[in-house]
Amino acid sequence: LDLVEKRKSYGTMVCPACKHAWFHRGCIQNQAMHVGFSCFQ
């Protein structure tokens, strides 16, 4: 819930499907480590 940069960058990423979900690289990496391959979305 912290602000993201005003564009895509190494540290700021967007969902390729909906194009509305923005997140930090570190945040989505932590999410991936917690949920694993079968539940990652």
Full PDB file with SEQRES, HELIX, SHEET, SSBOND, CRYST1, ORIGX, SCALE, CONECT and MASTER records, all heavy atoms in Angstrom:
SEQRES   1 A   41  LEU ASP LEU VAL GLU LYS ARG LYS SER TYR GLY THR MET          
SEQRES   2 A   41  VAL CYS PRO ALA CYS LYS HIS ALA TRP PHE HIS ARG GLY          
SEQRES   3 A   41  CYS ILE GLN ASN GLN ALA MET HIS VAL GLY PHE SER CYS          
SEQRES   4 A   41  PHE GLN                                                      
HELIX    1 AA1 ARG A   25  VAL A   35  1                                  11    
HELIX    2 AA2 PHE A   37  CYS A   39  5                                   3    
SHEET    1 AA1 2 THR A  12  VAL A  14  0                                        
SHEET    2 AA1 2 TRP A  22  HIS A  24 -1                                        
CRYST1    1.000    1.000    1.000  90.00  90.00  90.00 P 1           1          
ORIGX1      1.000000  0.000000  0.000000        0.00000                         
ORIGX2      0.000000  1.000000  0.000000        0.00000                         
ORIGX3      0.000000  0.000000  1.000000        0.00000                         
SCALE1      1.000000  0.000000  0.000000        0.00000                         
SCALE2      0.000000  1.000000  0.000000        0.00000                         
SCALE3      0.000000  0.000000  1.000000        0.00000                         
ATOM      1  N   LEU A   1       0.801  -1.232   0.000  1.00  0.00           N  
ATOM      2  CA  LEU A   1       0.000   0.000   0.000  1.00  0.00           C  
ATOM      3  C   LEU A   1       0.833   1.282   0.000  1.00  0.00           C  
ATOM      4  O   LEU A   1       0.300   2.365   0.226  1.00  0.00           O  
ATOM      5  CB  LEU A   1      -1.007   0.009   1.157  1.00  0.00           C  
ATOM      6  CG  LEU A   1      -1.984  -1.171   1.169  1.00  0.00           C  
ATOM      7  CD1 LEU A   1      -2.909  -1.079   2.357  1.00  0.00           C  
ATOM      8  CD2 LEU A   1      -2.768  -1.236  -0.127  1.00  0.00           C  
ATOM      9  N   ASP A   2       2.139   1.191  -0.273  1.00  0.00           N  
ATOM     10  CA  ASP A   2       2.973   2.376  -0.463  1.00  0.00           C  
ATOM     11  C   ASP A   2       2.866   2.810  -1.924  1.00  0.00           C  
ATOM     12  O   ASP A   2       2.544   2.008  -2.801  1.00  0.00           O  
ATOM     13  CB  ASP A   2       4.433   2.081  -0.131  1.00  0.00           C  
ATOM     14  CG  ASP A   2       4.684   1.994   1.361  1.00  0.00           C  
ATOM     15  OD1 ASP A   2       3.843   2.486   2.140  1.00  0.00           O  
ATOM     16  OD2 ASP A   2       5.730   1.420   1.754  1.00  0.00           O  
ATOM     17  N   LEU A   3       3.167   4.056  -2.195  1.00  0.00           N  
ATOM     18  CA  LEU A   3       3.110   4.567  -3.569  1.00  0.00           C  
ATOM     19  C   LEU A   3       4.127   3.852  -4.453  1.00  0.00           C  
ATOM     20  O   LEU A   3       5.210   3.493  -4.002  1.00  0.00           O  
ATOM     21  CB  LEU A   3       3.392   6.062  -3.582  1.00  0.00           C  
ATOM     22  CG  LEU A   3       2.326   6.971  -2.975  1.00  0.00           C  
ATOM     23  CD1 LEU A   3       2.812   8.413  -2.948  1.00  0.00           C  
ATOM     24  CD2 LEU A   3       1.022   6.866  -3.729  1.00  0.00           C  
ATOM     25  N   VAL A   4       3.766   3.652  -5.718  1.00  0.00           N  
ATOM     26  CA  VAL A   4       4.692   3.106  -6.711  1.00  0.00           C  
ATOM     27  C   VAL A   4       5.198   4.255  -7.576  1.00  0.00           C  
ATOM     28  O   VAL A   4       4.630   5.340  -7.575  1.00  0.00           O  
ATOM     29  CB  VAL A   4       4.038   2.017  -7.592  1.00  0.00           C  
ATOM     30  CG1 VAL A   4       3.641   0.816  -6.766  1.00  0.00           C  
ATOM     31  CG2 VAL A   4       2.852   2.556  -8.359  1.00  0.00           C  
ATOM     32  N   GLU A   5       6.258   3.989  -8.335  1.00  0.00           N  
ATOM     33  CA  GLU A   5       6.774   5.003  -9.257  1.00  0.00           C  
ATOM     34  C   GLU A   5       5.713   5.345 -10.297  1.00  0.00           C  
ATOM     35  O   GLU A   5       4.739   4.624 -10.461  1.00  0.00           O  
ATOM     36  CB  GLU A   5       8.027   4.481  -9.960  1.00  0.00           C  
ATOM     37  CG  GLU A   5       9.222   4.326  -9.056  1.00  0.00           C  
ATOM     38  CD  GLU A   5      10.424   3.805  -9.820  1.00  0.00           C  
ATOM     39  OE1 GLU A   5      10.687   4.287 -10.935  1.00  0.00           O  
ATOM     40  OE2 GLU A   5      11.087   2.897  -9.294  1.00  0.00           O  
ATOM     41  N   LYS A   6       5.934   6.383 -11.033  1.00  0.00           N  
ATOM     42  CA  LYS A   6       4.951   6.832 -12.021  1.00  0.00           C  
ATOM     43  C   LYS A   6       5.085   6.125 -13.361  1.00  0.00           C  
ATOM     44  O   LYS A   6       4.494   6.531 -14.346  1.00  0.00           O  
ATOM     45  CB  LYS A   6       5.078   8.340 -12.212  1.00  0.00           C  
ATOM     46  CG  LYS A   6       4.767   9.091 -10.943  1.00  0.00           C  
ATOM     47  CD  LYS A   6       4.878  10.570 -11.120  1.00  0.00           C  
ATOM     48  CE  LYS A   6       4.723  11.180  -9.760  1.00  0.00           C  
ATOM     49  NZ  LYS A   6       4.039  12.357  -9.652  1.00  0.00           N  
ATOM     50  N   ARG A   7       5.877   5.029 -13.388  1.00  0.00           N  
ATOM     51  CA  ARG A   7       6.077   4.279 -14.626  1.00  0.00           C  
ATOM     52  C   ARG A   7       6.576   2.887 -14.280  1.00  0.00           C  
ATOM     53  O   ARG A   7       6.972   2.620 -13.158  1.00  0.00           O  
ATOM     54  CB  ARG A   7       7.088   4.980 -15.520  1.00  0.00           C  
ATOM     55  CG  ARG A   7       8.448   5.122 -14.845  1.00  0.00           C  
ATOM     56  CD  ARG A   7       9.455   5.805 -15.742  1.00  0.00           C  
ATOM     57  NE  ARG A   7      10.700   6.007 -15.043  1.00  0.00           N  
ATOM     58  CZ  ARG A   7      11.638   5.094 -14.878  1.00  0.00           C  
ATOM     59  NH1 ARG A   7      11.473   3.894 -15.383  1.00  0.00           N  
ATOM     60  NH2 ARG A   7      12.750   5.351 -14.226  1.00  0.00           N  
ATOM     61  N   LYS A   8       6.567   1.998 -15.283  1.00  0.00           N  
ATOM     62  CA  LYS A   8       7.186   0.691 -15.104  1.00  0.00           C  
ATOM     63  C   LYS A   8       8.683   0.903 -14.949  1.00  0.00           C  
ATOM     64  O   LYS A   8       9.260   1.768 -15.605  1.00  0.00           O  
ATOM     65  CB  LYS A   8       6.959  -0.201 -16.318  1.00  0.00           C  
ATOM     66  CG  LYS A   8       5.556  -0.666 -16.520  1.00  0.00           C  
ATOM     67  CD  LYS A   8       5.463  -1.540 -17.756  1.00  0.00           C  
ATOM     68  CE  LYS A   8       5.981  -0.772 -18.944  1.00  0.00           C  
ATOM     69  NZ  LYS A   8       5.888  -1.425 -20.216  1.00  0.00           N  
ATOM     70  N   SER A   9       9.302   0.121 -14.114  1.00  0.00           N  
ATOM     71  CA  SER A   9      10.744   0.197 -13.935  1.00  0.00           C  
ATOM     72  C   SER A   9      11.216  -1.129 -13.372  1.00  0.00           C  
ATOM     73  O   SER A   9      10.414  -2.049 -13.203  1.00  0.00           O  
ATOM     74  CB  SER A   9      11.102   1.340 -12.982  1.00  0.00           C  
ATOM     75  OG  SER A   9      10.658   1.044 -11.672  1.00  0.00           O  
ATOM     76  N   TYR A  10      12.478  -1.210 -13.045  1.00  0.00           N  
ATOM     77  CA  TYR A  10      12.987  -2.434 -12.437  1.00  0.00           C  
ATOM     78  C   TYR A  10      12.269  -2.698 -11.113  1.00  0.00           C  
ATOM     79  O   TYR A  10      11.915  -3.821 -10.803  1.00  0.00           O  
ATOM     80  CB  TYR A  10      14.497  -2.317 -12.199  1.00  0.00           C  
ATOM     81  CG  TYR A  10      15.084  -3.534 -11.548  1.00  0.00           C  
ATOM     82  CD1 TYR A  10      15.266  -4.712 -12.274  1.00  0.00           C  
ATOM     83  CD2 TYR A  10      15.455  -3.521 -10.212  1.00  0.00           C  
ATOM     84  CE1 TYR A  10      15.789  -5.841 -11.676  1.00  0.00           C  
ATOM     85  CE2 TYR A  10      15.993  -4.650  -9.606  1.00  0.00           C  
ATOM     86  CZ  TYR A  10      16.167  -5.801 -10.345  1.00  0.00           C  
ATOM     87  OH  TYR A  10      16.680  -6.925  -9.750  1.00  0.00           O  
ATOM     88  N   GLY A  11      12.004  -1.671 -10.348  1.00  0.00           N  
ATOM     89  CA  GLY A  11      11.385  -1.819  -9.036  1.00  0.00           C  
ATOM     90  C   GLY A  11       9.878  -1.765  -9.020  1.00  0.00           C  
ATOM     91  O   GLY A  11       9.256  -2.086  -8.014  1.00  0.00           O  
ATOM     92  N   THR A  12       9.251  -1.339 -10.114  1.00  0.00           N  
ATOM     93  CA  THR A  12       7.796  -1.213 -10.191  1.00  0.00           C  
ATOM     94  C   THR A  12       7.288  -2.057 -11.348  1.00  0.00           C  
ATOM     95  O   THR A  12       7.738  -1.897 -12.479  1.00  0.00           O  
ATOM     96  CB  THR A  12       7.380   0.258 -10.397  1.00  0.00           C  
ATOM     97  OG1 THR A  12       7.867   1.021  -9.299  1.00  0.00           O  
ATOM     98  CG2 THR A  12       5.886   0.398 -10.480  1.00  0.00           C  
ATOM     99  N   MET A  13       6.338  -2.947 -11.059  1.00  0.00           N  
ATOM    100  CA  MET A  13       5.827  -3.864 -12.067  1.00  0.00           C  
ATOM    101  C   MET A  13       4.309  -3.785 -12.137  1.00  0.00           C  
ATOM    102  O   MET A  13       3.665  -3.300 -11.210  1.00  0.00           O  
ATOM    103  CB  MET A  13       6.273  -5.279 -11.730  1.00  0.00           C  
ATOM    104  CG  MET A  13       7.785  -5.394 -11.594  1.00  0.00           C  
ATOM    105  SD  MET A  13       8.313  -6.965 -10.913  1.00  0.00           S  
ATOM    106  CE  MET A  13       8.243  -7.946 -12.388  1.00  0.00           C  
ATOM    107  N   VAL A  14       3.765  -4.274 -13.260  1.00  0.00           N  
ATOM    108  CA  VAL A  14       2.325  -4.251 -13.475  1.00  0.00           C  
ATOM    109  C   VAL A  14       1.862  -5.624 -13.965  1.00  0.00           C  
ATOM    110  O   VAL A  14       2.623  -6.341 -14.613  1.00  0.00           O  
ATOM    111  CB  VAL A  14       1.930  -3.146 -14.491  1.00  0.00           C  
ATOM    112  CG1 VAL A  14       2.543  -3.405 -15.852  1.00  0.00           C  
ATOM    113  CG2 VAL A  14       0.434  -2.978 -14.583  1.00  0.00           C  
ATOM    114  N   CYS A  15       0.634  -5.974 -13.639  1.00  0.00           N  
ATOM    115  CA  CYS A  15       0.063  -7.232 -14.134  1.00  0.00           C  
ATOM    116  C   CYS A  15      -0.161  -7.118 -15.638  1.00  0.00           C  
ATOM    117  O   CYS A  15      -0.790  -6.164 -16.099  1.00  0.00           O  
ATOM    118  CB  CYS A  15      -1.261  -7.526 -13.430  1.00  0.00           C  
ATOM    119  SG  CYS A  15      -2.130  -8.951 -14.121  1.00  0.00           S  
ATOM    120  N   PRO A  16       0.322  -8.075 -16.444  1.00  0.00           N  
ATOM    121  CA  PRO A  16       0.132  -8.012 -17.890  1.00  0.00           C  
ATOM    122  C   PRO A  16      -1.298  -8.310 -18.316  1.00  0.00           C  
ATOM    123  O   PRO A  16      -1.689  -7.983 -19.431  1.00  0.00           O  
ATOM    124  CB  PRO A  16       1.088  -9.082 -18.414  1.00  0.00           C  
ATOM    125  CG  PRO A  16       1.169 -10.061 -17.308  1.00  0.00           C  
ATOM    126  CD  PRO A  16       1.083  -9.255 -16.039  1.00  0.00           C  
ATOM    127  N   ALA A  17      -2.090  -8.913 -17.455  1.00  0.00           N  
ATOM    128  CA  ALA A  17      -3.460  -9.277 -17.807  1.00  0.00           C  
ATOM    129  C   ALA A  17      -4.428  -8.119 -17.588  1.00  0.00           C  
ATOM    130  O   ALA A  17      -5.114  -7.690 -18.512  1.00  0.00           O  
ATOM    131  CB  ALA A  17      -3.906 -10.498 -17.013  1.00  0.00           C  
ATOM    132  N   CYS A  18      -4.479  -7.597 -16.373  1.00  0.00           N  
ATOM    133  CA  CYS A  18      -5.463  -6.542 -16.086  1.00  0.00           C  
ATOM    134  C   CYS A  18      -4.897  -5.135 -16.254  1.00  0.00           C  
ATOM    135  O   CYS A  18      -5.655  -4.191 -16.421  1.00  0.00           O  
ATOM    136  CB  CYS A  18      -6.030  -6.714 -14.678  1.00  0.00           C  
ATOM    137  SG  CYS A  18      -4.860  -6.399 -13.337  1.00  0.00           S  
ATOM    138  N   LYS A  19      -3.590  -4.972 -16.185  1.00  0.00           N  
ATOM    139  CA  LYS A  19      -2.910  -3.679 -16.337  1.00  0.00           C  
ATOM    140  C   LYS A  19      -3.321  -2.655 -15.277  1.00  0.00           C  
ATOM    141  O   LYS A  19      -3.084  -1.476 -15.422  1.00  0.00           O  
ATOM    142  CB  LYS A  19      -3.123  -3.106 -17.739  1.00  0.00           C  
ATOM    143  CG  LYS A  19      -2.619  -4.017 -18.817  1.00  0.00           C  
ATOM    144  CD  LYS A  19      -2.918  -3.490 -20.187  1.00  0.00           C  
ATOM    145  CE  LYS A  19      -2.500  -4.521 -21.205  1.00  0.00           C  
ATOM    146  NZ  LYS A  19      -3.248  -4.500 -22.393  1.00  0.00           N  
ATOM    147  N   HIS A  20      -3.964  -3.120 -14.204  1.00  0.00           N  
ATOM    148  CA  HIS A  20      -4.374  -2.223 -13.120  1.00  0.00           C  
ATOM    149  C   HIS A  20      -3.664  -2.548 -11.817  1.00  0.00           C  
ATOM    150  O   HIS A  20      -3.705  -1.750 -10.889  1.00  0.00           O  
ATOM    151  CB  HIS A  20      -5.884  -2.303 -12.901  1.00  0.00           C  
ATOM    152  CG  HIS A  20      -6.669  -1.806 -14.053  1.00  0.00           C  
ATOM    153  ND1 HIS A  20      -6.661  -0.495 -14.471  1.00  0.00           N  
ATOM    154  CD2 HIS A  20      -7.492  -2.450 -14.914  1.00  0.00           C  
ATOM    155  CE1 HIS A  20      -7.432  -0.357 -15.530  1.00  0.00           C  
ATOM    156  NE2 HIS A  20      -7.956  -1.530 -15.825  1.00  0.00           N  
ATOM    157  N   ALA A  21      -3.056  -3.715 -11.726  1.00  0.00           N  
ATOM    158  CA  ALA A  21      -2.385  -4.130 -10.505  1.00  0.00           C  
ATOM    159  C   ALA A  21      -0.920  -3.709 -10.565  1.00  0.00           C  
ATOM    160  O   ALA A  21      -0.158  -4.214 -11.382  1.00  0.00           O  
ATOM    161  CB  ALA A  21      -2.499  -5.639 -10.330  1.00  0.00           C  
ATOM    162  N   TRP A  22      -0.541  -2.779  -9.726  1.00  0.00           N  
ATOM    163  CA  TRP A  22       0.832  -2.293  -9.655  1.00  0.00           C  
ATOM    164  C   TRP A  22       1.433  -2.736  -8.336  1.00  0.00           C  
ATOM    165  O   TRP A  22       0.750  -2.770  -7.308  1.00  0.00           O  
ATOM    166  CB  TRP A  22       0.861  -0.771  -9.769  1.00  0.00           C  
ATOM    167  CG  TRP A  22       0.514  -0.314 -11.140  1.00  0.00           C  
ATOM    168  CD1 TRP A  22      -0.733  -0.088 -11.629  1.00  0.00           C  
ATOM    169  CD2 TRP A  22       1.417  -0.066 -12.205  1.00  0.00           C  
ATOM    170  NE1 TRP A  22      -0.666   0.290 -12.949  1.00  0.00           N  
ATOM    171  CE2 TRP A  22       0.647   0.324 -13.325  1.00  0.00           C  
ATOM    172  CE3 TRP A  22       2.811  -0.124 -12.324  1.00  0.00           C  
ATOM    173  CZ2 TRP A  22       1.225   0.650 -14.547  1.00  0.00           C  
ATOM    174  CZ3 TRP A  22       3.375   0.212 -13.535  1.00  0.00           C  
ATOM    175  CH2 TRP A  22       2.589   0.587 -14.639  1.00  0.00           C  
ATOM    176  N   PHE A  23       2.711  -3.070  -8.352  1.00  0.00           N  
ATOM    177  CA  PHE A  23       3.368  -3.503  -7.143  1.00  0.00           C  
ATOM    178  C   PHE A  23       4.869  -3.332  -7.272  1.00  0.00           C  
ATOM    179  O   PHE A  23       5.411  -3.163  -8.364  1.00  0.00           O  
ATOM    180  CB  PHE A  23       3.032  -4.967  -6.813  1.00  0.00           C  
ATOM    181  CG  PHE A  23       2.868  -5.832  -8.019  1.00  0.00           C  
ATOM    182  CD1 PHE A  23       3.964  -6.366  -8.649  1.00  0.00           C  
ATOM    183  CD2 PHE A  23       1.614  -6.079  -8.541  1.00  0.00           C  
ATOM    184  CE1 PHE A  23       3.827  -7.142  -9.775  1.00  0.00           C  
ATOM    185  CE2 PHE A  23       1.459  -6.848  -9.683  1.00  0.00           C  
ATOM    186  CZ  PHE A  23       2.564  -7.378 -10.294  1.00  0.00           C  
ATOM    187  N   HIS A  24       5.538  -3.353  -6.133  1.00  0.00           N  
ATOM    188  CA  HIS A  24       6.991  -3.285  -6.089  1.00  0.00           C  
ATOM    189  C   HIS A  24       7.570  -4.672  -6.345  1.00  0.00           C  
ATOM    190  O   HIS A  24       6.967  -5.670  -5.957  1.00  0.00           O  
ATOM    191  CB  HIS A  24       7.464  -2.793  -4.707  1.00  0.00           C  
ATOM    192  CG  HIS A  24       6.946  -1.448  -4.352  1.00  0.00           C  
ATOM    193  ND1 HIS A  24       5.983  -1.270  -3.389  1.00  0.00           N  
ATOM    194  CD2 HIS A  24       7.240  -0.227  -4.846  1.00  0.00           C  
ATOM    195  CE1 HIS A  24       5.716   0.013  -3.279  1.00  0.00           C  
ATOM    196  NE2 HIS A  24       6.453   0.665  -4.157  1.00  0.00           N  
ATOM    197  N   ARG A  25       8.732  -4.717  -6.975  1.00  0.00           N  
ATOM    198  CA  ARG A  25       9.406  -5.987  -7.247  1.00  0.00           C  
ATOM    199  C   ARG A  25       9.606  -6.773  -5.954  1.00  0.00           C  
ATOM    200  O   ARG A  25       9.318  -7.972  -5.890  1.00  0.00           O  
ATOM    201  CB  ARG A  25      10.760  -5.745  -7.925  1.00  0.00           C  
ATOM    202  CG  ARG A  25      11.579  -7.015  -8.121  1.00  0.00           C  
ATOM    203  CD  ARG A  25      12.894  -6.710  -8.822  1.00  0.00           C  
ATOM    204  NE  ARG A  25      12.655  -6.406 -10.207  1.00  0.00           N  
ATOM    205  CZ  ARG A  25      12.578  -7.319 -11.190  1.00  0.00           C  
ATOM    206  NH1 ARG A  25      12.725  -8.596 -10.913  1.00  0.00           N  
ATOM    207  NH2 ARG A  25      12.368  -6.957 -12.427  1.00  0.00           N  
ATOM    208  N   GLY A  26      10.069  -6.128  -4.910  1.00  0.00           N  
ATOM    209  CA  GLY A  26      10.294  -6.809  -3.637  1.00  0.00           C  
ATOM    210  C   GLY A  26       9.013  -7.356  -3.032  1.00  0.00           C  
ATOM    211  O   GLY A  26       9.007  -8.446  -2.451  1.00  0.00           O  
ATOM    212  N   CYS A  27       7.918  -6.626  -3.164  1.00  0.00           N  
ATOM    213  CA  CYS A  27       6.637  -7.079  -2.612  1.00  0.00           C  
ATOM    214  C   CYS A  27       6.125  -8.319  -3.335  1.00  0.00           C  
ATOM    215  O   CYS A  27       5.671  -9.271  -2.696  1.00  0.00           O  
ATOM    216  CB  CYS A  27       5.603  -5.960  -2.694  1.00  0.00           C  
ATOM    217  SG  CYS A  27       5.968  -4.549  -1.635  1.00  0.00           S  
ATOM    218  N   ILE A  28       6.200  -8.320  -4.676  1.00  0.00           N  
ATOM    219  CA  ILE A  28       5.683  -9.470  -5.416  1.00  0.00           C  
ATOM    220  C   ILE A  28       6.621 -10.670  -5.245  1.00  0.00           C  
ATOM    221  O   ILE A  28       6.176 -11.817  -5.237  1.00  0.00           O  
ATOM    222  CB  ILE A  28       5.404  -9.131  -6.910  1.00  0.00           C  
ATOM    223  CG1 ILE A  28       4.379 -10.105  -7.488  1.00  0.00           C  
ATOM    224  CG2 ILE A  28       6.661  -9.091  -7.722  1.00  0.00           C  
ATOM    225  CD1 ILE A  28       3.016 -10.027  -6.887  1.00  0.00           C  
ATOM    226  N   GLN A  29       7.924 -10.404  -5.042  1.00  0.00           N  
ATOM    227  CA  GLN A  29       8.852 -11.497  -4.767  1.00  0.00           C  
ATOM    228  C   GLN A  29       8.522 -12.147  -3.428  1.00  0.00           C  
ATOM    229  O   GLN A  29       8.500 -13.374  -3.316  1.00  0.00           O  
ATOM    230  CB  GLN A  29      10.301 -11.002  -4.766  1.00  0.00           C  
ATOM    231  CG  GLN A  29      11.318 -12.085  -4.466  1.00  0.00           C  
ATOM    232  CD  GLN A  29      11.294 -13.207  -5.480  1.00  0.00           C  
ATOM    233  OE1 GLN A  29      11.786 -13.059  -6.586  1.00  0.00           O  
ATOM    234  NE2 GLN A  29      10.720 -14.348  -5.127  1.00  0.00           N  
ATOM    235  N   ASN A  30       8.235 -11.353  -2.412  1.00  0.00           N  
ATOM    236  CA  ASN A  30       7.850 -11.902  -1.109  1.00  0.00           C  
ATOM    237  C   ASN A  30       6.559 -12.699  -1.214  1.00  0.00           C  
ATOM    238  O   ASN A  30       6.432 -13.775  -0.624  1.00  0.00           O  
ATOM    239  CB  ASN A  30       7.693 -10.792  -0.074  1.00  0.00           C  
ATOM    240  CG  ASN A  30       9.020 -10.249   0.381  1.00  0.00           C  
ATOM    241  OD1 ASN A  30      10.053 -10.896   0.252  1.00  0.00           O  
ATOM    242  ND2 ASN A  30       9.016  -9.040   0.913  1.00  0.00           N  
ATOM    243  N   GLN A  31       5.604 -12.183  -1.978  1.00  0.00           N  
ATOM    244  CA  GLN A  31       4.337 -12.896  -2.176  1.00  0.00           C  
ATOM    245  C   GLN A  31       4.587 -14.255  -2.833  1.00  0.00           C  
ATOM    246  O   GLN A  31       4.029 -15.263  -2.430  1.00  0.00           O  
ATOM    247  CB  GLN A  31       3.389 -12.063  -3.031  1.00  0.00           C  
ATOM    248  CG  GLN A  31       2.133 -12.796  -3.418  1.00  0.00           C  
ATOM    249  CD  GLN A  31       0.896 -12.113  -2.926  1.00  0.00           C  
ATOM    250  OE1 GLN A  31       0.946 -11.191  -2.136  1.00  0.00           O  
ATOM    251  NE2 GLN A  31      -0.224 -12.559  -3.392  1.00  0.00           N  
ATOM    252  N   ALA A  32       5.438 -14.264  -3.853  1.00  0.00           N  
ATOM    253  CA  ALA A  32       5.745 -15.511  -4.555  1.00  0.00           C  
ATOM    254  C   ALA A  32       6.396 -16.521  -3.617  1.00  0.00           C  
ATOM    255  O   ALA A  32       6.072 -17.712  -3.664  1.00  0.00           O  
ATOM    256  CB  ALA A  32       6.669 -15.231  -5.740  1.00  0.00           C  
ATOM    257  N   MET A  33       7.283 -16.079  -2.763  1.00  0.00           N  
ATOM    258  CA  MET A  33       7.951 -16.979  -1.826  1.00  0.00           C  
ATOM    259  C   MET A  33       6.973 -17.557  -0.813  1.00  0.00           C  
ATOM    260  O   MET A  33       7.118 -18.696  -0.386  1.00  0.00           O  
ATOM    261  CB  MET A  33       9.086 -16.255  -1.100  1.00  0.00           C  
ATOM    262  CG  MET A  33      10.215 -15.821  -2.024  1.00  0.00           C  
ATOM    263  SD  MET A  33      10.932 -17.154  -3.003  1.00  0.00           S  
ATOM    264  CE  MET A  33      11.895 -17.986  -1.765  1.00  0.00           C  
ATOM    265  N   HIS A  34       5.968 -16.806  -0.443  1.00  0.00           N  
ATOM    266  CA  HIS A  34       4.992 -17.267   0.540  1.00  0.00           C  
ATOM    267  C   HIS A  34       3.955 -18.220  -0.044  1.00  0.00           C  
ATOM    268  O   HIS A  34       3.595 -19.205   0.585  1.00  0.00           O  
ATOM    269  CB  HIS A  34       4.271 -16.087   1.198  1.00  0.00           C  
ATOM    270  CG  HIS A  34       5.132 -15.341   2.158  1.00  0.00           C  
ATOM    271  ND1 HIS A  34       5.547 -15.858   3.360  1.00  0.00           N  
ATOM    272  CD2 HIS A  34       5.681 -14.117   2.090  1.00  0.00           C  
ATOM    273  CE1 HIS A  34       6.305 -14.991   3.987  1.00  0.00           C  
ATOM    274  NE2 HIS A  34       6.406 -13.915   3.234  1.00  0.00           N  
ATOM    275  N   VAL A  35       3.448 -17.938  -1.252  1.00  0.00           N  
ATOM    276  CA  VAL A  35       2.349 -18.747  -1.785  1.00  0.00           C  
ATOM    277  C   VAL A  35       2.820 -19.904  -2.659  1.00  0.00           C  
ATOM    278  O   VAL A  35       2.123 -20.901  -2.788  1.00  0.00           O  
ATOM    279  CB  VAL A  35       1.308 -17.895  -2.553  1.00  0.00           C  
ATOM    280  CG1 VAL A  35       0.714 -16.843  -1.650  1.00  0.00           C  
ATOM    281  CG2 VAL A  35       1.887 -17.285  -3.797  1.00  0.00           C  
ATOM    282  N   GLY A  36       3.974 -19.793  -3.299  1.00  0.00           N  
ATOM    283  CA  GLY A  36       4.480 -20.867  -4.143  1.00  0.00           C  
ATOM    284  C   GLY A  36       3.840 -20.906  -5.520  1.00  0.00           C  
ATOM    285  O   GLY A  36       2.906 -20.168  -5.830  1.00  0.00           O  
ATOM    286  N   PHE A  37       4.348 -21.791  -6.344  1.00  0.00           N  
ATOM    287  CA  PHE A  37       3.987 -21.896  -7.758  1.00  0.00           C  
ATOM    288  C   PHE A  37       2.504 -22.172  -7.994  1.00  0.00           C  
ATOM    289  O   PHE A  37       1.878 -21.565  -8.857  1.00  0.00           O  
ATOM    290  CB  PHE A  37       4.836 -23.008  -8.394  1.00  0.00           C  
ATOM    291  CG  PHE A  37       4.812 -23.024  -9.880  1.00  0.00           C  
ATOM    292  CD1 PHE A  37       5.656 -22.212 -10.606  1.00  0.00           C  
ATOM    293  CD2 PHE A  37       3.952 -23.868 -10.565  1.00  0.00           C  
ATOM    294  CE1 PHE A  37       5.644 -22.232 -11.994  1.00  0.00           C  
ATOM    295  CE2 PHE A  37       3.926 -23.895 -11.949  1.00  0.00           C  
ATOM    296  CZ  PHE A  37       4.779 -23.068 -12.662  1.00  0.00           C  
ATOM    297  N   SER A  38       1.921 -23.075  -7.249  1.00  0.00           N  
ATOM    298  CA  SER A  38       0.545 -23.499  -7.521  1.00  0.00           C  
ATOM    299  C   SER A  38      -0.506 -22.465  -7.125  1.00  0.00           C  
ATOM    300  O   SER A  38      -1.635 -22.532  -7.611  1.00  0.00           O  
ATOM    301  CB  SER A  38       0.249 -24.824  -6.829  1.00  0.00           C  
ATOM    302  OG  SER A  38       0.344 -24.679  -5.434  1.00  0.00           O  
ATOM    303  N   CYS A  39      -0.171 -21.508  -6.268  1.00  0.00           N  
ATOM    304  CA  CYS A  39      -1.158 -20.512  -5.814  1.00  0.00           C  
ATOM    305  C   CYS A  39      -0.818 -19.088  -6.239  1.00  0.00           C  
ATOM    306  O   CYS A  39      -1.524 -18.147  -5.881  1.00  0.00           O  
ATOM    307  CB  CYS A  39      -1.282 -20.557  -4.296  1.00  0.00           C  
ATOM    308  SG  CYS A  39      -1.897 -22.124  -3.681  1.00  0.00           S  
ATOM    309  N   PHE A  40       0.264 -18.891  -6.986  1.00  0.00           N  
ATOM    310  CA  PHE A  40       0.707 -17.550  -7.360  1.00  0.00           C  
ATOM    311  C   PHE A  40      -0.196 -16.981  -8.448  1.00  0.00           C  
ATOM    312  O   PHE A  40      -0.411 -17.601  -9.479  1.00  0.00           O  
ATOM    313  CB  PHE A  40       2.158 -17.602  -7.842  1.00  0.00           C  
ATOM    314  CG  PHE A  40       2.795 -16.266  -8.014  1.00  0.00           C  
ATOM    315  CD1 PHE A  40       2.919 -15.389  -6.958  1.00  0.00           C  
ATOM    316  CD2 PHE A  40       3.296 -15.894  -9.248  1.00  0.00           C  
ATOM    317  CE1 PHE A  40       3.529 -14.154  -7.125  1.00  0.00           C  
ATOM    318  CE2 PHE A  40       3.913 -14.668  -9.422  1.00  0.00           C  
ATOM    319  CZ  PHE A  40       4.028 -13.798  -8.355  1.00  0.00           C  
ATOM    320  N   GLN A  41      -0.750 -15.809  -8.205  1.00  0.00           N  
ATOM    321  CA  GLN A  41      -1.650 -15.157  -9.157  1.00  0.00           C  
ATOM    322  C   GLN A  41      -1.625 -13.652  -8.930  1.00  0.00           C  
ATOM    323  O   GLN A  41      -1.104 -13.177  -7.933  1.00  0.00           O  
ATOM    324  CB  GLN A  41      -3.063 -15.687  -8.996  1.00  0.00           C  
ATOM    325  CG  GLN A  41      -3.639 -15.446  -7.618  1.00  0.00           C  
ATOM    326  CD  GLN A  41      -4.979 -16.138  -7.428  1.00  0.00           C  
ATOM    327  OE1 GLN A  41      -5.445 -16.859  -8.295  1.00  0.00           O  
ATOM    328  NE2 GLN A  41      -5.602 -15.916  -6.285  1.00  0.00           N  
TER     329      GLN A  41                                                      
MASTER        0    0    0    2    2    0    0    6  328    1    0    4          
END                                                                             
